[in-house]
Amino acid sequence: MKILVDADGCPVVKLAVRIAQEYNLDIMLVKNYSHNIDDPYATIITVDKSRDSADFYIVNKSEKNDIIVTQDYGLAAMALSKGALCINQNGFIISSRNIDGLLARRHFNQELRRKHKQYSKFKKRNPLADQQFEKNFKALIEEYL
């Protein structure tokens, strides 16, 4: 088992690295060259800035029971098809049971934005989100170790 993080814009990179270190697991932070991430424990992978470069790298490197940290449902769908486990930055487990609904909702929201009928308003991240991520991330690791 290894952990792969879609690190561009991910608010839990440091937390994920700390937890990986606690469990003595390899962790790979995949980012494009416009982001500066440095960590002595993690393997840092820098990919091209083109769209989906990090996603394709992560999918190509993922194996059964690897854990993928991402908020990208497209990446999660591809990783799930390889038998990987997925969790988002809020600790929500993305699985084969819920991915179809998540992708459908993403498509629906894209259509609304395209028609200018809805705009995304992201809420400010709070400490509870980090706690939820830590709890569920550790549970996922322990379940599949």
Protein backbone atom coordinates (compact mmCIF):
# COMPACT_ATOMS: atom_id res chain seq x y z
CA MET A 1 0.00 0.00 0.00
CA LYS A 2 1.20 3.47 -0.87
CA ILE A 3 -0.46 6.87 -0.76
CA LEU A 4 -0.69 9.15 -3.78
CA VAL A 5 -1.84 12.73 -3.27
CA ASP A 6 -3.19 15.00 -6.00
CA ALA A 7 -1.24 17.79 -4.32
CA ASP A 8 -2.16 20.83 -6.45
CA GLY A 9 -4.37 22.91 -4.18
CA CYS A 10 -4.80 20.10 -1.65
CA PRO A 11 -5.24 21.56 1.87
CA VAL A 12 -4.26 18.33 3.69
CA VAL A 13 -0.84 17.62 2.16
CA LYS A 14 1.07 18.09 5.44
CA LEU A 15 -1.52 16.14 7.40
CA ALA A 16 -1.44 13.26 4.89
CA VAL A 17 2.37 13.15 5.05
CA ARG A 18 2.34 13.11 8.86
CA ILE A 19 -0.15 10.23 8.91
CA ALA A 20 1.80 8.30 6.25
CA GLN A 21 4.88 8.69 8.40
CA GLU A 22 3.00 7.43 11.49
CA TYR A 23 2.11 4.24 9.60
CA ASN A 24 5.50 4.03 7.84
CA LEU A 25 3.84 4.17 4.41
CA ASP A 26 5.31 5.55 1.20
CA ILE A 27 3.62 8.75 0.08
CA MET A 28 3.90 10.43 -3.29
CA LEU A 29 2.87 14.07 -3.74
CA VAL A 30 2.05 14.73 -7.39
CA LYS A 31 2.00 18.38 -8.43
CA ASN A 32 2.60 20.51 -11.47
CA TYR A 33 5.66 22.73 -11.71
CA SER A 34 3.77 25.90 -10.74
CA HIS A 35 3.35 24.65 -7.14
CA ASN A 36 6.21 24.60 -4.67
CA ILE A 37 5.94 21.69 -2.23
CA ASP A 38 8.83 20.34 -0.22
CA ASP A 39 8.87 17.55 2.34
CA PRO A 40 11.78 15.36 3.42
CA TYR A 41 9.59 12.26 3.98
CA ALA A 42 7.46 12.32 0.84
CA THR A 43 8.43 11.59 -2.74
CA ILE A 44 7.65 14.74 -4.72
CA ILE A 45 6.68 14.22 -8.36
CA THR A 46 6.47 17.25 -10.63
CA VAL A 47 4.48 16.90 -13.84
CA ASP A 48 3.69 19.19 -16.75
CA LYS A 49 1.17 21.97 -16.14
CA SER A 50 -1.17 20.69 -18.86
CA ARG A 51 -4.65 19.66 -17.86
CA ASP A 52 -4.91 16.26 -16.16
CA SER A 53 -1.14 15.55 -16.19
CA ALA A 54 -1.13 14.88 -12.45
CA ASP A 55 -4.29 12.77 -12.73
CA PHE A 56 -2.86 10.52 -15.44
CA TYR A 57 0.42 10.13 -13.56
CA ILE A 58 -1.43 9.11 -10.39
CA VAL A 59 -3.63 6.60 -12.22
CA ASN A 60 -0.65 5.07 -14.01
CA LYS A 61 1.24 4.63 -10.72
CA SER A 62 -1.70 3.41 -8.64
CA GLU A 63 -2.29 -0.23 -7.77
CA LYS A 64 -4.91 -2.21 -5.88
CA ASN A 65 -5.36 -0.94 -2.29
CA ASP A 66 -3.27 2.19 -2.81
CA ILE A 67 -4.91 5.26 -1.30
CA ILE A 68 -5.53 8.27 -3.53
CA VAL A 69 -6.20 11.66 -1.89
CA THR A 70 -8.09 13.80 -4.39
CA GLN A 71 -11.06 16.08 -4.80
CA ASP A 72 -11.26 15.21 -8.51
CA TYR A 73 -14.06 12.71 -9.16
CA GLY A 74 -12.74 11.91 -12.64
CA LEU A 75 -9.40 10.86 -11.17
CA ALA A 76 -11.19 8.94 -8.43
CA ALA A 77 -13.27 7.02 -10.99
CA MET A 78 -10.15 5.96 -12.91
CA ALA A 79 -8.32 5.00 -9.71
CA LEU A 80 -11.29 3.01 -8.40
CA SER A 81 -11.32 0.99 -11.63
CA LYS A 82 -7.77 -0.12 -10.77
CA GLY A 83 -8.79 -1.20 -7.27
CA ALA A 84 -7.39 1.86 -5.49
CA LEU A 85 -9.10 3.48 -2.52
CA CYS A 86 -10.07 7.16 -2.67
CA ILE A 87 -10.66 9.86 -0.08
CA ASN A 88 -11.18 13.59 -0.54
CA GLN A 89 -9.69 16.44 1.49
CA ASN A 90 -12.71 16.48 3.82
CA GLY A 91 -12.45 12.79 4.70
CA PHE A 92 -15.27 11.68 2.39
CA ILE A 93 -14.61 8.16 1.12
CA ILE A 94 -15.20 7.90 -2.63
CA SER A 95 -16.19 4.36 -3.57
CA SER A 96 -17.72 2.33 -6.37
CA ARG A 97 -21.05 2.72 -4.55
CA ASN A 98 -21.12 6.52 -4.79
CA ILE A 99 -18.89 7.50 -7.73
CA ASP A 100 -21.65 7.39 -10.36
CA GLY A 101 -23.79 9.84 -8.40
CA LEU A 102 -20.82 12.11 -7.74
CA LEU A 103 -19.90 12.18 -11.43
CA ALA A 104 -23.53 12.86 -12.42
CA ARG A 105 -23.73 15.74 -9.94
CA ARG A 106 -20.41 17.14 -11.22
CA HIS A 107 -21.74 17.04 -14.79
CA PHE A 108 -25.02 18.67 -13.78
CA ASN A 109 -23.19 21.48 -11.95
CA GLN A 110 -20.87 22.01 -14.93
CA GLU A 111 -23.91 22.42 -17.17
CA LEU A 112 -25.44 24.97 -14.78
CA ARG A 113 -22.18 26.93 -14.66
CA ARG A 114 -21.90 26.78 -18.44
CA LYS A 115 -25.39 28.28 -18.69
CA HIS A 116 -24.49 30.87 -16.01
CA LYS A 117 -27.26 29.69 -13.74
CA GLN A 118 -25.10 28.72 -10.79
CA TYR A 119 -21.79 29.84 -9.40
CA SER A 120 -19.61 27.89 -7.00
CA LYS A 121 -19.09 29.46 -3.63
CA PHE A 122 -16.51 27.55 -1.65
CA LYS A 123 -16.75 27.72 2.11
CA LYS A 124 -13.67 28.55 4.12
CA ARG A 125 -11.96 25.43 5.44
CA ASN A 126 -12.39 24.82 9.16
CA PRO A 127 -10.51 22.64 11.67
CA LEU A 128 -13.37 20.13 11.76
CA ALA A 129 -12.65 19.21 8.13
CA ASP A 130 -9.05 18.35 9.06
CA GLN A 131 -10.25 16.26 12.00
CA GLN A 132 -12.72 14.39 9.78
CA PHE A 133 -10.02 13.79 7.16
CA GLU A 134 -7.57 12.48 9.77
CA LYS A 135 -10.15 10.15 11.34
CA ASN A 136 -11.34 8.65 8.05
CA PHE A 137 -7.87 8.52 6.48
CA LYS A 138 -6.50 6.54 9.44
CA ALA A 139 -9.54 4.24 9.39
CA LEU A 140 -9.02 3.57 5.67
CA ILE A 141 -5.33 2.79 6.21
CA GLU A 142 -6.06 0.47 9.13
CA GLU A 143 -8.81 -1.35 7.25
CA TYR A 144 -6.55 -2.23 4.31
CA LEU A 145 -3.11 -2.58 5.96
